[in-house]
């Protein structure tokens, strides 16, 4: 199953990262987004990320030049996927949006094309059910930042065929990634384990057991985590954490997965972490200093 022509839907953080790694590894990539401005921003981000790789010796100027030549942008979905052998959807983590995209894809993508979603928690089986090619639908969950992180969590839907799984495993290895195949249950593996830990850290803060810095320091120094759970939640986006916890809560019907009230309040008020400039920490452009939000300083 040759997969050389790749279409990536969504030019946000995950989409541009996925397009980056495919283009860097010699694939022809169509990056698709309804917002032309977002596509321009994505190309700028990809160039900056390449420059960072070049500075660190992880890429060369020649690789950057070739990768950018492999990238084409589209605002029209049908045109962008016209010759795709694999489509990777990386739109916002919203079930209605994803179902709508896959319905459209099923009618405009070539019949032989594989359809993958970068969802971090939404059921692959449910997404596949809105298509007439459920055996060709699979989860391909990349980690952020995509050019750096090695893991790809590959999720089989209930109807995903073994040849499709094998093809996506082989493809992930071509990208220099480490694929791990899991089955389709709420949160899969990565977020089923990670999100309850983040939620418990937020509960510990909410209940006054320890402060932001103390919670994160204990997990970094005591458990060898590269960043603490509260900082990681800010990095992921508190709205995304909240949405994934709700998927777990609704999927299992177990109150242990219910989002902490503090997390719910922060999301409702628009304190979403890095993307909004403040979450558990305060973020200022150009500063790498980790500053706890004044809301959590007693």
Protein backbone atom coordinates (compact mmCIF):
# COMPACT_ATOMS: atom_id res chain seq x y z
CA UNK A 1 0.00 0.00 0.00
CA UNK A 2 2.00 2.98 -1.31
CA UNK A 3 1.30 6.23 0.48
CA UNK A 4 3.20 9.12 -1.07
CA UNK A 5 0.53 11.81 -1.60
CA UNK A 6 -0.61 13.13 1.78
CA UNK A 7 -3.33 15.66 2.54
CA UNK A 8 -3.43 17.29 5.98
CA UNK A 9 -6.61 19.06 7.06
CA UNK A 10 -6.17 21.90 9.53
CA UNK A 11 -3.24 24.32 9.59
CA UNK A 12 -3.10 24.88 13.34
CA UNK A 13 -0.38 23.70 15.72
CA UNK A 14 -0.88 19.98 15.08
CA UNK A 15 -1.67 20.28 11.38
CA UNK A 16 1.39 22.33 10.50
CA UNK A 17 3.57 20.00 12.58
CA UNK A 18 2.20 16.92 10.81
CA UNK A 19 2.67 18.58 7.40
CA UNK A 20 6.23 19.49 8.44
CA UNK A 21 7.31 15.92 9.23
CA UNK A 22 5.71 14.44 6.12
CA UNK A 23 7.29 17.08 3.85
CA UNK A 24 10.66 16.70 5.56
CA UNK A 25 10.60 12.98 4.81
CA UNK A 26 9.97 13.36 1.10
CA UNK A 27 6.18 13.09 0.89
CA UNK A 28 4.07 15.35 -1.33
CA UNK A 29 1.87 17.25 1.13
CA UNK A 30 -1.27 19.30 0.56
CA UNK A 31 -2.04 21.40 3.65
CA UNK A 32 -5.72 22.36 3.72
CA UNK A 33 -7.53 25.02 5.76
CA UNK A 34 -10.58 27.16 5.01
CA UNK A 35 -8.67 30.15 6.39
CA UNK A 36 -6.01 31.40 3.94
CA UNK A 37 -4.43 33.51 6.67
CA UNK A 38 -4.01 30.41 8.83
CA UNK A 39 -2.22 28.68 5.95
CA UNK A 40 0.20 31.60 5.62
CA UNK A 41 0.82 31.51 9.35
CA UNK A 42 1.40 27.74 9.19
CA UNK A 43 4.04 28.09 6.48
CA UNK A 44 5.83 30.74 8.55
CA UNK A 45 5.75 28.43 11.58
CA UNK A 46 7.12 25.52 9.56
CA UNK A 47 10.00 27.68 8.32
CA UNK A 48 10.76 28.87 11.87
CA UNK A 49 10.68 25.29 13.17
CA UNK A 50 13.07 24.23 10.40
CA UNK A 51 15.41 27.07 11.34
CA UNK A 52 15.32 25.82 14.92
CA UNK A 53 16.12 22.29 13.74
CA UNK A 54 19.00 23.60 11.60
CA UNK A 55 20.44 25.50 14.57
CA UNK A 56 20.36 22.30 16.63
CA UNK A 57 21.85 20.21 13.82
CA UNK A 58 18.65 18.18 13.39
CA UNK A 59 18.09 19.35 9.80
CA UNK A 60 19.97 21.03 6.95
CA UNK A 61 19.20 24.00 4.72
CA UNK A 62 18.83 21.56 1.83
CA UNK A 63 16.24 19.54 3.75
CA UNK A 64 14.35 22.73 4.54
CA UNK A 65 14.38 23.80 0.90
CA UNK A 66 13.19 20.38 -0.32
CA UNK A 67 10.51 20.10 2.35
CA UNK A 68 9.04 23.52 1.55
CA UNK A 69 9.00 22.52 -2.13
CA UNK A 70 6.96 19.44 -1.14
CA UNK A 71 4.25 21.61 0.46
CA UNK A 72 1.20 23.01 -1.32
CA UNK A 73 -1.63 24.87 0.41
CA UNK A 74 -5.35 24.75 -0.39
CA UNK A 75 -8.49 26.38 0.97
CA UNK A 76 -10.71 24.03 -1.07
CA UNK A 77 -11.10 20.58 0.52
CA UNK A 78 -12.09 18.75 -2.67
CA UNK A 79 -9.11 20.10 -4.63
CA UNK A 80 -6.72 19.43 -1.78
CA UNK A 81 -7.61 15.74 -1.42
CA UNK A 82 -8.20 15.02 -5.11
CA UNK A 83 -5.09 12.83 -5.48
CA UNK A 84 -4.50 11.93 -1.82
CA UNK A 85 -3.58 8.39 -0.85
CA UNK A 86 -3.79 9.32 2.83
CA UNK A 87 -5.72 12.15 4.45
CA UNK A 88 -4.80 13.15 8.01
CA UNK A 89 -7.46 15.29 9.69
CA UNK A 90 -6.03 17.62 12.35
CA UNK A 91 -8.90 20.03 12.91
CA UNK A 92 -10.09 21.32 16.29
CA UNK A 93 -11.03 18.63 18.84
CA UNK A 94 -14.76 18.98 18.22
CA UNK A 95 -16.90 15.94 17.45
CA UNK A 96 -19.42 17.72 15.21
CA UNK A 97 -16.66 19.36 13.18
CA UNK A 98 -14.80 16.10 12.71
CA UNK A 99 -17.91 14.15 11.71
CA UNK A 100 -18.76 16.82 9.15
CA UNK A 101 -15.22 16.73 7.72
CA UNK A 102 -15.27 12.94 7.38
CA UNK A 103 -18.67 12.99 5.69
CA UNK A 104 -17.24 15.42 3.14
CA UNK A 105 -14.03 13.45 2.77
CA UNK A 106 -15.91 10.26 2.04
CA UNK A 107 -17.55 11.92 -0.97
CA UNK A 108 -14.55 13.83 -2.38
CA UNK A 109 -11.44 11.76 -1.53
CA UNK A 110 -10.41 8.91 -3.88
CA UNK A 111 -12.14 5.65 -2.98
CA UNK A 112 -8.79 3.99 -2.22
CA UNK A 113 -7.61 6.77 0.10
CA UNK A 114 -7.05 6.01 3.78
CA UNK A 115 -8.61 8.48 6.20
CA UNK A 116 -6.82 9.17 9.49
CA UNK A 117 -7.73 11.46 12.35
CA UNK A 118 -5.33 13.07 14.78
CA UNK A 119 -8.00 13.13 17.49
CA UNK A 120 -6.69 12.72 21.02
CA UNK A 121 -9.90 11.25 22.46
CA UNK A 122 -12.88 11.05 20.07
CA UNK A 123 -14.02 7.56 19.04
CA UNK A 124 -12.50 6.36 15.75
CA UNK A 125 -15.42 3.97 15.38
CA UNK A 126 -17.90 6.83 15.61
CA UNK A 127 -15.97 8.90 13.07
CA UNK A 128 -15.68 5.93 10.70
CA UNK A 129 -19.41 5.27 10.95
CA UNK A 130 -20.26 8.44 8.98
CA UNK A 131 -18.25 7.11 6.01
CA UNK A 132 -18.77 4.22 3.61
CA UNK A 133 -15.16 3.09 4.12
CA UNK A 134 -14.96 2.29 7.82
CA UNK A 135 -12.25 -0.31 7.20
CA UNK A 136 -10.01 2.49 5.84
CA UNK A 137 -10.43 4.85 8.82
CA UNK A 138 -7.85 4.92 11.61
CA UNK A 139 -6.53 7.15 14.38
CA UNK A 140 -3.07 8.64 13.99
CA UNK A 141 -2.48 10.60 17.19
CA UNK A 142 0.72 12.64 16.95
CA UNK A 143 2.20 14.36 20.00
CA UNK A 144 2.96 18.08 20.28
CA UNK A 145 5.43 19.39 19.12
CA UNK A 146 5.18 16.97 16.19
CA UNK A 147 8.67 17.52 14.70
CA UNK A 148 10.23 16.67 18.08
CA UNK A 149 8.03 14.03 19.73
CA UNK A 150 8.68 10.44 18.65
CA UNK A 151 5.38 8.79 19.57
CA UNK A 152 2.46 8.16 17.23
CA UNK A 153 -0.48 6.51 18.99
CA UNK A 154 -2.25 4.48 16.30
CA UNK A 155 -5.87 3.69 17.13
CA UNK A 156 -7.84 0.93 15.43
CA UNK A 157 -11.55 1.62 15.04
CA UNK A 158 -13.86 -1.37 15.41
CA UNK A 159 -13.84 -1.91 11.63
CA UNK A 160 -10.27 -0.85 10.76
CA UNK A 161 -8.64 -3.53 8.58
CA UNK A 162 -5.30 -5.10 9.44
CA UNK A 163 -3.64 -4.04 6.14
CA UNK A 164 -4.55 -0.42 6.91
CA UNK A 165 -3.06 -0.69 10.40
CA UNK A 166 0.09 -2.28 8.98
CA UNK A 167 0.40 0.48 6.38
CA UNK A 168 0.09 3.26 8.99
CA UNK A 169 2.60 1.54 11.29
CA UNK A 170 5.10 1.31 8.41
CA UNK A 171 4.41 4.92 7.43
CA UNK A 172 5.01 6.16 10.99
CA UNK A 173 8.39 4.43 10.99
CA UNK A 174 9.23 6.15 7.68
CA UNK A 175 8.69 9.45 9.51
CA UNK A 176 11.19 8.43 12.16
CA UNK A 177 8.42 7.95 14.70
CA UNK A 178 7.69 5.11 17.12
CA UNK A 179 4.17 3.73 16.50
CA UNK A 180 2.14 2.14 19.30
CA UNK A 181 -1.11 0.43 18.28
CA UNK A 182 -4.09 0.59 20.67
CA UNK A 183 -7.82 -0.08 20.50
CA UNK A 184 -10.67 2.38 20.37
CA UNK A 185 -11.94 3.15 23.85
CA UNK A 186 -12.39 6.59 25.47
CA UNK A 187 -9.07 8.41 25.80
CA UNK A 188 -7.23 5.51 24.11
CA UNK A 189 -4.07 5.03 26.23
CA UNK A 190 -2.17 8.33 26.25
CA UNK A 191 -5.01 10.48 27.53
CA UNK A 192 -6.74 7.80 29.58
CA UNK A 193 -3.64 7.80 31.79
CA UNK A 194 -2.48 11.42 31.39
CA UNK A 195 -5.73 13.33 31.89
CA UNK A 196 -6.71 11.80 35.26
CA UNK A 197 -3.20 12.70 36.49
CA UNK A 198 -3.62 16.31 35.32
CA UNK A 199 -7.11 16.42 36.82
CA UNK A 200 -5.80 15.10 40.15
CA UNK A 201 -3.08 17.78 40.15
CA UNK A 202 -5.78 20.43 39.60
CA UNK A 203 -7.87 18.94 42.42
CA UNK A 204 -4.80 19.08 44.70
CA UNK A 205 -4.49 22.79 43.92
CA UNK A 206 -8.26 23.32 44.25
CA UNK A 207 -8.32 21.66 47.68
CA UNK A 208 -5.36 23.70 48.93
CA UNK A 209 -3.04 20.74 49.42
CA UNK A 210 -0.15 22.47 47.63
CA UNK A 211 0.61 25.38 45.32
CA UNK A 212 1.20 25.39 41.56
CA UNK A 213 4.98 25.44 41.80
CA UNK A 214 5.09 22.80 44.53
CA UNK A 215 2.85 20.37 42.63
CA UNK A 216 4.86 20.71 39.44
CA UNK A 217 8.24 20.57 41.20
CA UNK A 218 7.31 17.36 43.02
CA UNK A 219 6.35 15.67 39.75
CA UNK A 220 9.42 16.96 37.89
CA UNK A 221 12.03 16.14 40.52
CA UNK A 222 10.33 13.19 42.18
CA UNK A 223 8.93 11.42 39.09
CA UNK A 224 11.41 12.63 36.43
CA UNK A 225 8.69 14.29 34.36
CA UNK A 226 10.12 16.93 31.97
CA UNK A 227 7.37 19.35 33.02
CA UNK A 228 4.82 19.29 35.80
CA UNK A 229 1.16 18.38 35.17
CA UNK A 230 -0.12 21.95 35.59
CA UNK A 231 2.44 23.38 33.18
CA UNK A 232 1.67 20.55 30.76
CA UNK A 233 -2.06 21.29 31.02
CA UNK A 234 -1.34 24.92 30.11
CA UNK A 235 0.74 23.73 27.16
CA UNK A 236 -1.96 21.35 25.91
CA UNK A 237 -4.71 23.94 26.48
CA UNK A 238 -7.06 23.80 29.44
CA UNK A 239 -10.05 23.72 27.09
CA UNK A 240 -8.62 20.63 25.39
CA UNK A 241 -7.98 18.95 28.76
CA UNK A 242 -11.53 19.75 29.81
CA UNK A 243 -12.97 18.34 26.58
CA UNK A 244 -10.97 15.10 26.86
CA UNK A 245 -11.99 14.60 30.49
CA UNK A 246 -15.62 15.01 29.46
CA UNK A 247 -15.14 12.37 26.74
CA UNK A 248 -13.74 10.00 29.39
CA UNK A 249 -16.52 10.86 31.85
CA UNK A 250 -19.29 10.34 29.29
CA UNK A 251 -17.65 7.28 27.74
CA UNK A 252 -17.14 5.35 30.97
CA UNK A 253 -19.86 6.94 33.12
CA UNK A 254 -17.38 7.02 35.99
CA UNK A 255 -17.26 10.18 38.17
CA UNK A 256 -13.49 9.80 38.67
CA UNK A 257 -13.05 11.29 35.17
CA UNK A 258 -15.26 14.36 35.77
CA UNK A 259 -13.31 17.62 35.29
CA UNK A 260 -12.34 19.44 38.50
CA UNK A 261 -14.62 22.47 39.14
CA UNK A 262 -11.53 24.72 39.11
CA UNK A 263 -10.68 23.55 35.58
CA UNK A 264 -14.27 24.14 34.46
CA UNK A 265 -14.24 27.67 35.88
CA UNK A 266 -10.92 28.51 34.25
CA UNK A 267 -12.10 27.31 30.84
CA UNK A 268 -15.40 29.15 31.17
CA UNK A 269 -13.54 32.36 32.05
CA UNK A 270 -11.14 31.98 29.11
CA UNK A 271 -7.97 31.19 31.06
CA UNK A 272 -6.80 28.45 28.72
CA UNK A 273 -3.04 28.35 29.31
CA UNK A 274 -0.36 29.24 26.76
CA UNK A 275 -2.85 29.94 23.96
CA UNK A 276 -4.65 32.66 25.95
CA UNK A 277 -1.59 33.99 27.81
CA UNK A 278 -2.62 32.73 31.23
CA UNK A 279 -3.62 29.51 32.93
CA UNK A 280 -1.86 28.14 35.97
CA UNK A 281 1.09 30.24 34.80
CA UNK A 282 1.34 33.66 33.16
CA UNK A 283 2.86 33.78 29.67
CA UNK A 284 4.42 36.83 28.05
CA UNK A 285 5.74 37.00 24.50
CA UNK A 286 9.50 36.59 24.34
CA UNK A 287 9.83 35.42 27.94
CA UNK A 288 10.81 31.87 28.89
CA UNK A 289 10.50 32.50 32.62
CA UNK A 290 7.91 30.31 34.32
CA UNK A 291 5.72 32.67 36.36
CA UNK A 292 2.82 31.35 38.45
CA UNK A 293 -0.44 33.19 37.80
CA UNK A 294 -1.17 35.76 40.51
CA UNK A 295 -4.51 34.03 41.06
CA UNK A 296 -2.65 31.13 42.67
CA UNK A 297 -0.18 33.10 44.77
CA UNK A 298 -1.28 33.25 48.40
